[in-house]
Amino acid sequence: MNLPQAYLNRMKGQLGADFDAYLAAMDEPEKRAARANGLRLTPEAMRALRPGFVPVGGEGFLLPEGFAPGKDILHAAGAYYVQEISAQMPASLFELTPRMAVLDLCAAPGGKSSQLAAKVPEGVLFANEIVPNRANVLLSNLERMGAKNAVVTAMDPEKLISLTGPVFDAVLVDAPCAGEGMFRKEPEAVTAWSEEHVAACAKRQRAILTWAQRAVKPGGQLVYSTCSFSPAENEENRAWFVSEFPDFELVEERRLYPHTSLGEGQYAAKFRRQGAAVDTAYLPVRSDKAPLAEAFLQEETEGLSGPLRLLPDGRALLLPPLPCALDGLRLLRAGLLVGEIVKKRFVPAHALAMAAGSPLHRRTSVSESDALRFLRGETLPTDLAGWCAVTYKDLPLGLGKGAAGVLKNHLPKGLRII
């Protein structure tokens, strides 16, 4: 690769005898990978469904050469997330229990967020992305993966944390960085690189960490990660952090390079805040009066309950446990969008059909050919009457409504496979 000379000089000093192995790895093609979605299935089930996926430990798989996830039924069903192997490491460092409250502060496009959501199914994930269009991508990916306990925000981290306070058991800061670990995968990162850019990133990362530590409750965990190699963004920031905030201790630190791992470049440091950990204190949350939504949930779903929030536009949300009030937050979504009230009727949402646990009573299982037809937006024959989830291999694809032997397709147009 045509890498900047100043970068090569630094890496030669940094890697020493490993420098030639690093250069050789950079001339090899990237290893495309995916992570099995713990909200949908086990790694063993993923292996059975896609024997061509090569397991590499944990939830990770290498994808076959030439494989196109965008045209795969299982990808549309949220069975897996396309995520390179090294990027799966930072979220795996947390020690999480099902009822914890977690914050992913720089969350788009959602790979690490969906990984975390699966670890706290009875708790809550706050997933934040300051750039609005990237936040929309984050929301779409969490919906596809079946997360029903996510609060998605699009806010400046400082403003967000000033409103939440120190209520989180775990905070992930996957910080914006110079992207040196992505040079093999994203050549545009090479063009954008400069020593000045690295220094600017390191400064910005310290500002984000200053805000992030305020969100961690006593005994809580913070993981800081970058996809960069520079000590200024990694070890120097780690040393600065424990010096600036002595109530945090370093628990673990990892570095991954293309020549030492199956993935790209990744750095992560895990910290723990001093103090005795206590169970998350969730707020009592009132439920809005929403008879149409309540009746639908009671009659048409299995096991869905909790406080309902009815928005002015008629949308109904099933709220997750909340460690803090939502007042003042710039919300894209809080919890599961179950549907909306349209002309005095309740119309279920695509998100409801995709929610983990397949909550809709009526489900219709389709063949591979019919699954592809459904994903193209076509109607299907059916014996069912009423709303149902369309599934393939017990995985959800979206909503359908049966009437007179025809299953009308309610898959959003933007999600259809052409």
Protein backbone atom coordinates (compact mmCIF):
# COMPACT_ATOMS: atom_id res chain seq x y z
CA MET A 1 0.00 0.00 0.00
CA ASN A 2 1.07 3.59 -0.60
CA LEU A 3 1.21 4.66 3.04
CA PRO A 4 2.47 8.09 4.25
CA GLN A 5 6.18 8.08 5.01
CA ALA A 6 5.74 9.79 8.37
CA TYR A 7 3.28 7.07 9.34
CA LEU A 8 5.66 4.31 8.20
CA ASN A 9 8.53 5.84 10.16
CA ARG A 10 6.47 5.86 13.33
CA MET A 11 5.19 2.31 12.82
CA LYS A 12 8.71 1.00 12.20
CA GLY A 13 9.81 2.37 15.56
CA GLN A 14 6.62 1.16 17.21
CA LEU A 15 6.69 -2.41 15.86
CA GLY A 16 10.42 -3.06 15.65
CA ALA A 17 11.04 -6.60 14.41
CA ASP A 18 7.33 -7.02 13.56
CA PHE A 19 7.31 -4.16 11.07
CA ASP A 20 7.89 -6.35 7.98
CA ALA A 21 5.12 -8.74 9.06
CA TYR A 22 2.79 -5.75 9.41
CA LEU A 23 3.64 -4.50 5.91
CA ALA A 24 3.09 -7.96 4.45
CA ALA A 25 -0.32 -8.20 6.14
CA MET A 26 -1.31 -4.80 4.76
CA ASP A 27 -0.82 -6.14 1.22
CA GLU A 28 -3.18 -9.04 1.88
CA PRO A 29 -6.94 -8.72 1.25
CA GLU A 30 -9.10 -7.96 4.28
CA LYS A 31 -10.87 -10.87 5.95
CA ARG A 32 -14.60 -10.12 5.77
CA ALA A 33 -16.43 -11.27 8.87
CA ALA A 34 -19.71 -11.29 10.76
CA ARG A 35 -21.01 -11.75 14.29
CA ALA A 36 -23.93 -14.01 15.16
CA ASN A 37 -26.74 -12.01 16.76
CA GLY A 38 -27.23 -13.23 20.32
CA LEU A 39 -30.76 -11.82 20.34
CA ARG A 40 -31.71 -14.28 17.58
CA LEU A 41 -29.60 -17.42 17.76
CA THR A 42 -26.51 -19.14 19.12
CA PRO A 43 -23.21 -19.39 17.23
CA GLU A 44 -23.92 -23.11 16.88
CA ALA A 45 -27.27 -22.39 15.21
CA MET A 46 -25.57 -19.87 12.94
CA ARG A 47 -23.07 -22.52 11.90
CA ALA A 48 -25.88 -24.94 11.06
CA LEU A 49 -27.73 -22.35 8.96
CA ARG A 50 -24.65 -21.17 7.07
CA PRO A 51 -22.06 -24.00 6.92
CA GLY A 52 -19.90 -21.81 4.67
CA PHE A 53 -19.31 -19.34 7.51
CA VAL A 54 -16.03 -20.22 9.25
CA PRO A 55 -16.23 -19.95 13.08
CA VAL A 56 -13.30 -18.15 14.69
CA GLY A 57 -14.32 -18.24 18.34
CA GLY A 58 -17.02 -16.52 20.33
CA GLU A 59 -19.74 -15.17 18.05
CA GLY A 60 -17.40 -14.40 15.13
CA PHE A 61 -17.33 -15.94 11.64
CA LEU A 62 -15.27 -15.36 8.53
CA LEU A 63 -17.42 -14.92 5.43
CA PRO A 64 -16.83 -16.91 2.22
CA GLU A 65 -15.12 -15.08 -0.61
CA GLY A 66 -17.65 -13.33 -2.84
CA PHE A 67 -20.51 -13.71 -0.37
CA ALA A 68 -23.05 -10.85 -0.61
CA PRO A 69 -24.78 -10.26 2.76
CA GLY A 70 -27.02 -7.57 1.28
CA LYS A 71 -28.83 -10.24 -0.74
CA ASP A 72 -28.95 -12.85 2.04
CA ILE A 73 -32.25 -13.71 3.72
CA LEU A 74 -30.57 -14.35 7.07
CA HIS A 75 -28.94 -10.93 7.03
CA ALA A 76 -32.32 -9.30 6.40
CA ALA A 77 -33.66 -11.34 9.31
CA GLY A 78 -30.98 -10.01 11.67
CA ALA A 79 -29.32 -13.38 12.22
CA TYR A 80 -25.90 -11.72 12.00
CA TYR A 81 -24.18 -8.36 11.77
CA VAL A 82 -21.38 -7.81 9.27
CA GLN A 83 -18.53 -6.79 11.56
CA GLU A 84 -14.84 -7.47 11.22
CA ILE A 85 -13.30 -9.67 13.89
CA SER A 86 -11.19 -7.05 15.70
CA ALA A 87 -14.18 -4.70 16.03
CA GLN A 88 -15.99 -7.40 18.02
CA MET A 89 -13.37 -7.23 20.79
CA PRO A 90 -14.10 -3.99 22.74
CA ALA A 91 -17.71 -4.81 23.69
CA SER A 92 -16.63 -8.32 24.72
CA LEU A 93 -14.45 -6.86 27.51
CA PHE A 94 -17.43 -5.85 29.63
CA GLU A 95 -18.70 -8.06 32.44
CA LEU A 96 -22.46 -7.67 32.04
CA THR A 97 -25.52 -9.15 33.69
CA PRO A 98 -29.01 -9.12 32.12
CA ARG A 99 -30.51 -6.18 34.08
CA MET A 100 -27.66 -3.68 33.67
CA ALA A 101 -27.88 -0.20 32.15
CA VAL A 102 -25.32 0.38 29.39
CA LEU A 103 -24.35 3.47 27.39
CA ASP A 104 -22.70 3.31 23.96
CA LEU A 105 -21.66 6.94 23.56
CA CYS A 106 -20.43 6.90 19.93
CA ALA A 107 -22.68 4.15 18.65
CA ALA A 108 -23.23 4.34 14.87
CA PRO A 109 -23.55 2.27 12.79
CA GLY A 110 -24.60 -0.16 15.53
CA GLY A 111 -22.37 -3.22 15.50
CA LYS A 112 -21.11 -2.81 19.05
CA SER A 113 -24.50 -1.50 20.23
CA SER A 114 -26.36 -4.58 19.02
CA GLN A 115 -23.64 -6.73 20.61
CA LEU A 116 -24.26 -4.98 23.94
CA ALA A 117 -28.07 -5.06 23.65
CA ALA A 118 -27.95 -8.86 23.54
CA LYS A 119 -26.04 -8.93 26.85
CA VAL A 120 -28.61 -6.88 28.82
CA PRO A 121 -32.00 -8.23 27.64
CA GLU A 122 -33.74 -7.25 30.90
CA GLY A 123 -31.93 -3.93 31.23
CA VAL A 124 -31.45 -1.02 28.87
CA LEU A 125 -29.01 0.17 26.23
CA PHE A 126 -28.61 3.88 25.57
CA ALA A 127 -27.11 4.21 22.07
CA ASN A 128 -26.02 7.71 21.08
CA GLU A 129 -24.78 9.17 17.80
CA ILE A 130 -24.28 12.91 17.41
CA VAL A 131 -24.65 12.95 13.59
CA PRO A 132 -28.40 12.66 12.78
CA ASN A 133 -28.17 10.65 9.54
CA ARG A 134 -25.76 8.19 11.17
CA ALA A 135 -28.14 7.97 14.14
CA ASN A 136 -30.91 6.90 11.74
CA VAL A 137 -28.66 4.11 10.42
CA LEU A 138 -27.98 3.08 14.02
CA LEU A 139 -31.71 2.91 14.75
CA SER A 140 -32.39 0.85 11.62
CA ASN A 141 -29.66 -1.65 12.48
CA LEU A 142 -30.85 -2.07 16.07
CA GLU A 143 -34.36 -2.66 14.75
CA ARG A 144 -33.16 -5.29 12.27
CA MET A 145 -31.24 -7.06 15.02
CA GLY A 146 -34.34 -7.22 17.23
CA ALA A 147 -33.31 -4.91 20.08
CA LYS A 148 -36.38 -3.83 22.02
CA ASN A 149 -34.61 -2.31 25.04
CA ALA A 150 -32.69 0.50 23.28
CA VAL A 151 -32.97 4.24 23.81
CA VAL A 152 -31.49 5.86 20.68
CA THR A 153 -30.38 9.48 20.96
CA ALA A 154 -28.67 11.97 18.65
CA MET A 155 -26.91 14.35 20.99
CA ASP A 156 -23.66 16.02 21.91
CA PRO A 157 -22.13 13.65 24.52
CA GLU A 158 -21.64 16.44 27.06
CA LYS A 159 -25.29 17.49 26.84
CA LEU A 160 -26.51 13.89 27.02
CA ILE A 161 -24.50 13.05 30.13
CA SER A 162 -25.39 16.31 31.84
CA LEU A 163 -29.00 15.09 31.67
CA THR A 164 -28.50 11.41 32.55
CA GLY A 165 -25.91 11.68 35.29
CA PRO A 166 -23.86 8.72 36.62
CA VAL A 167 -26.48 5.99 36.21
CA PHE A 168 -24.75 3.46 33.94
CA ASP A 169 -23.14 0.17 34.90
CA ALA A 170 -21.07 0.19 31.72
CA VAL A 171 -20.07 2.87 29.22
CA LEU A 172 -18.43 2.22 25.85
CA VAL A 173 -16.45 4.99 24.17
CA ASP A 174 -15.58 3.73 20.70
CA ALA A 175 -14.05 7.07 19.89
CA PRO A 176 -13.72 8.83 16.54
CA CYS A 177 -10.09 8.35 15.56
CA ALA A 178 -7.49 8.68 12.80
CA GLY A 179 -8.51 5.25 11.51
CA GLU A 180 -5.04 3.80 11.04
CA GLY A 181 -6.35 0.34 11.76
CA MET A 182 -8.72 0.66 8.80
CA PHE A 183 -6.08 1.55 6.17
CA ARG A 184 -6.30 -1.88 4.53
CA LYS A 185 -10.11 -1.85 4.53
CA GLU A 186 -10.76 1.85 3.82
CA PRO A 187 -8.16 3.48 1.53
CA GLU A 188 -9.83 6.88 1.99
CA ALA A 189 -8.56 6.83 5.60
CA VAL A 190 -5.01 6.83 4.19
CA THR A 191 -5.73 9.99 2.20
CA ALA A 192 -7.15 11.75 5.28
CA TRP A 193 -4.19 10.84 7.52
CA SER A 194 -1.71 13.39 8.84
CA GLU A 195 0.21 13.86 12.05
CA GLU A 196 -1.93 16.92 12.72
CA HIS A 197 -5.08 14.83 12.31
CA VAL A 198 -3.78 12.27 14.81
CA ALA A 199 -3.07 15.02 17.34
CA ALA A 200 -6.52 16.54 16.82
CA CYS A 201 -8.17 13.15 17.31
CA ALA A 202 -6.26 12.53 20.54
CA LYS A 203 -7.39 15.89 21.89
CA ARG A 204 -11.00 15.23 20.96
CA GLN A 205 -10.86 11.76 22.51
CA ARG A 206 -9.77 13.23 25.85
CA ALA A 207 -12.74 15.59 25.77
CA ILE A 208 -15.12 12.69 25.10
CA LEU A 209 -13.57 10.62 27.91
CA THR A 210 -13.97 13.58 30.28
CA TRP A 211 -17.70 13.56 29.57
CA ALA A 212 -18.02 9.76 29.50
CA GLN A 213 -16.56 9.14 32.95
CA ARG A 214 -19.32 11.27 34.44
CA ALA A 215 -21.87 8.69 33.27
CA VAL A 216 -20.26 5.74 35.11
CA LYS A 217 -21.70 4.93 38.53
CA PRO A 218 -19.50 3.66 41.40
CA GLY A 219 -18.21 0.18 40.67
CA GLY A 220 -19.08 0.62 36.99
CA GLN A 221 -17.00 -0.14 33.91
CA LEU A 222 -15.73 2.04 31.07
CA VAL A 223 -14.19 0.67 27.88
CA TYR A 224 -12.28 3.07 25.63
CA SER A 225 -11.47 1.88 22.12
CA THR A 226 -10.13 3.15 18.80
CA CYS A 227 -9.36 1.58 15.45
CA SER A 228 -6.03 3.40 15.38
CA PHE A 229 -2.44 2.43 16.16
CA SER A 230 -1.00 5.74 17.38
CA PRO A 231 0.17 5.79 21.02
CA ALA A 232 -1.17 9.35 21.24
CA GLU A 233 -4.71 8.04 20.72
CA ASN A 234 -4.24 4.89 22.77
CA GLU A 235 -1.64 4.36 25.51
CA GLU A 236 -1.05 8.06 26.08
CA ASN A 237 -4.77 8.67 26.44
CA ARG A 238 -5.03 5.68 28.77
CA ALA A 239 -2.23 7.07 30.96
CA TRP A 240 -3.78 10.56 30.90
CA PHE A 241 -7.18 9.16 31.89
CA VAL A 242 -6.04 7.30 35.02
CA SER A 243 -3.94 10.31 36.02
CA GLU A 244 -6.79 12.79 35.48
CA PHE A 245 -9.43 10.55 37.08
CA PRO A 246 -7.69 8.55 39.83
CA ASP A 247 -10.95 6.94 40.94
CA PHE A 248 -10.68 4.76 37.81
CA GLU A 249 -8.27 1.85 37.63
CA LEU A 250 -7.05 0.09 34.49
CA VAL A 251 -8.34 -3.48 34.40
CA GLU A 252 -7.25 -4.66 30.95
CA GLU A 253 -5.64 -3.37 27.78
CA ARG A 254 -5.50 -4.97 24.33
CA ARG A 255 -3.96 -4.13 20.96
CA LEU A 256 -4.75 -5.94 17.72
CA TYR A 257 -2.83 -5.58 14.45
CA PRO A 258 -3.58 -7.13 11.03
CA HIS A 259 -0.47 -9.31 11.35
CA THR A 260 -1.39 -10.57 14.84
CA SER A 261 -5.13 -11.14 14.43
CA LEU A 262 -7.77 -12.17 11.90
CA GLY A 263 -9.14 -8.64 11.70
CA GLU A 264 -8.00 -5.07 11.25
CA GLY A 265 -6.47 -2.75 13.85
CA GLN A 266 -8.10 -2.22 17.24
CA TYR A 267 -7.12 -0.88 20.63
CA ALA A 268 -9.17 -1.14 23.82
CA ALA A 269 -8.66 -0.30 27.48
CA LYS A 270 -11.07 -1.33 30.22
CA PHE A 271 -11.38 0.72 33.40
CA ARG A 272 -13.38 0.28 36.59
CA ARG A 273 -14.58 3.09 38.83
CA GLN A 274 -13.85 2.67 42.51
CA GLY A 275 -16.76 2.07 44.86
CA ALA A 276 -19.13 -0.71 45.71
CA ALA A 277 -21.30 -1.76 42.80
CA VAL A 278 -25.03 -1.74 43.48
CA ASP A 279 -27.97 -2.95 41.42
CA THR A 280 -29.24 -0.48 38.86
CA ALA A 281 -32.01 1.73 40.23
CA TYR A 282 -34.71 1.90 37.57
CA LEU A 283 -37.38 4.59 37.79
CA PRO A 284 -41.08 3.88 38.16
CA VAL A 285 -42.49 4.88 34.76
CA ARG A 286 -46.12 5.77 34.20
CA SER A 287 -48.07 4.23 31.31
CA ASP A 288 -50.12 6.48 29.04
CA LYS A 289 -53.73 5.60 28.45
CA ALA A 290 -53.70 3.90 25.07
CA PRO A 291 -56.65 1.49 24.89
CA LEU A 292 -56.13 0.52 21.23
CA ALA A 293 -52.45 -0.27 21.75
CA GLU A 294 -53.12 -2.06 25.03
CA ALA A 295 -55.81 -4.22 23.46
CA PHE A 296 -53.57 -5.14 20.52
CA LEU A 297 -50.69 -6.14 22.80
CA GLN A 298 -52.96 -8.22 24.98
CA GLU A 299 -54.74 -9.97 22.12
CA GLU A 300 -52.03 -10.27 19.47
CA THR A 301 -48.70 -10.68 21.28
CA GLU A 302 -47.03 -13.03 23.71
CA GLY A 303 -45.27 -11.72 26.78
CA LEU A 304 -45.13 -8.06 25.78
CA SER A 305 -45.93 -5.82 28.71
CA GLY A 306 -44.64 -2.70 30.36
CA PRO A 307 -45.25 1.02 30.34
CA LEU A 308 -46.65 2.39 27.08
CA ARG A 309 -45.81 5.87 25.85
CA LEU A 310 -48.25 7.35 23.31
CA LEU A 311 -46.69 10.07 21.15
CA PRO A 312 -48.67 13.04 19.76
CA ASP A 313 -48.49 11.59 16.24
CA GLY A 314 -50.20 8.36 17.34
CA ARG A 315 -47.14 6.14 17.64
CA ALA A 316 -47.02 3.82 20.64
CA LEU A 317 -43.75 2.83 22.33
CA LEU A 318 -43.17 0.08 24.85
CA LEU A 319 -40.59 1.62 27.17
CA PRO A 320 -37.61 -0.32 28.53
CA PRO A 321 -36.45 0.03 32.14
CA LEU A 322 -35.15 3.58 32.58
CA PRO A 323 -32.33 4.57 34.96
CA CYS A 324 -33.05 8.27 34.35
CA ALA A 325 -35.77 10.52 32.99
CA LEU A 326 -36.01 11.08 29.24
CA ASP A 327 -36.88 14.77 29.60
CA GLY A 328 -34.68 16.97 27.43
CA LEU A 329 -33.13 14.11 25.46
CA ARG A 330 -33.12 14.30 21.67
CA LEU A 331 -34.74 10.93 21.08
CA LEU A 332 -35.04 8.96 17.88
CA ARG A 333 -36.63 6.04 19.72
CA ALA A 334 -37.17 4.92 23.30
CA GLY A 335 -37.83 1.21 23.52
CA LEU A 336 -39.90 -0.78 21.07
CA LEU A 337 -42.14 0.89 18.51
CA VAL A 338 -45.17 -1.39 18.66
CA GLY A 339 -47.32 0.51 16.16
CA GLU A 340 -49.45 3.60 15.62
CA ILE A 341 -53.05 4.65 15.79
CA VAL A 342 -54.41 5.44 12.32
CA LYS A 343 -58.05 6.51 11.91
CA LYS A 344 -59.06 4.90 15.21
CA ARG A 345 -57.33 1.63 14.30
CA PHE A 346 -54.11 0.24 15.68
CA VAL A 347 -51.55 -0.64 12.99
CA PRO A 348 -48.54 -2.66 14.20
CA ALA A 349 -45.01 -1.58 13.28
CA HIS A 350 -42.30 -3.42 11.38
CA ALA A 351 -40.19 -3.16 14.57
CA LEU A 352 -42.76 -5.26 16.43
CA ALA A 353 -42.42 -8.09 13.93
CA MET A 354 -38.61 -7.90 14.18
CA ALA A 355 -38.43 -7.76 17.99
CA ALA A 356 -36.43 -10.47 19.70
CA GLY A 357 -38.58 -13.30 20.96
CA SER A 358 -41.06 -13.17 18.02
CA PRO A 359 -43.82 -11.61 20.14
CA LEU A 360 -46.68 -11.74 17.60
CA HIS A 361 -49.12 -14.61 18.15
CA ARG A 362 -49.61 -15.27 14.44
CA ARG A 363 -46.57 -16.28 12.46
CA THR A 364 -46.29 -17.77 9.01
CA SER A 365 -43.16 -19.70 8.09
CA VAL A 366 -42.15 -19.41 4.44
CA SER A 367 -39.81 -21.26 2.10
CA GLU A 368 -36.59 -19.78 0.76
CA SER A 369 -38.23 -18.82 -2.54
CA ASP A 370 -41.19 -17.19 -0.77
CA ALA A 371 -38.86 -15.43 1.64
CA LEU A 372 -37.09 -13.84 -1.33
CA ARG A 373 -40.43 -12.88 -2.82
CA PHE A 374 -41.47 -11.28 0.45
CA LEU A 375 -38.18 -9.35 0.68
CA ARG A 376 -38.83 -8.03 -2.83
CA GLY A 377 -42.16 -6.65 -1.64
CA GLU A 378 -44.43 -9.25 -3.26
CA THR A 379 -47.64 -10.70 -1.83
CA LEU A 380 -47.87 -14.38 -0.85
CA PRO A 381 -50.68 -16.95 -0.55
CA THR A 382 -51.84 -17.67 3.00
CA ASP A 383 -54.51 -19.37 5.09
CA LEU A 384 -54.11 -16.82 7.89
CA ALA A 385 -56.38 -13.87 8.55
CA GLY A 386 -55.06 -10.74 10.24
CA TRP A 387 -51.61 -9.40 11.15
CA CYS A 388 -48.73 -11.86 11.36
CA ALA A 389 -44.97 -12.07 11.38
CA VAL A 390 -43.42 -13.59 8.26
CA THR A 391 -40.57 -15.88 9.28
CA TYR A 392 -37.87 -17.96 7.61
CA LYS A 393 -36.07 -20.66 9.62
CA ASP A 394 -37.81 -19.23 12.73
CA LEU A 395 -36.25 -15.80 12.04
CA PRO A 396 -38.44 -12.73 11.38
CA LEU A 397 -38.52 -10.93 8.04
CA GLY A 398 -41.34 -8.45 8.63
CA LEU A 399 -45.08 -7.92 8.81
CA GLY A 400 -47.81 -9.34 6.67
CA LYS A 401 -51.60 -9.17 6.82
CA GLY A 402 -53.72 -12.04 5.61
CA ALA A 403 -57.14 -11.66 4.02
CA ALA A 404 -59.04 -13.73 1.44
CA GLY A 405 -56.11 -16.12 0.92
CA VAL A 406 -53.58 -13.33 0.22
CA LEU A 407 -50.80 -12.15 2.52
CA LYS A 408 -50.35 -8.43 1.93
CA ASN A 409 -46.73 -7.31 2.24
CA HIS A 410 -45.98 -4.61 4.84
CA LEU A 411 -42.19 -4.63 4.58
CA PRO A 412 -40.98 -0.98 4.42
CA LYS A 413 -39.91 -0.11 0.89
CA GLY A 414 -36.45 0.99 2.01
CA LEU A 415 -35.73 -2.50 3.33
CA ARG A 416 -36.69 -4.44 0.23
CA ILE A 417 -34.12 -6.44 -1.69
CA ILE A 418 -34.19 -5.53 -5.38
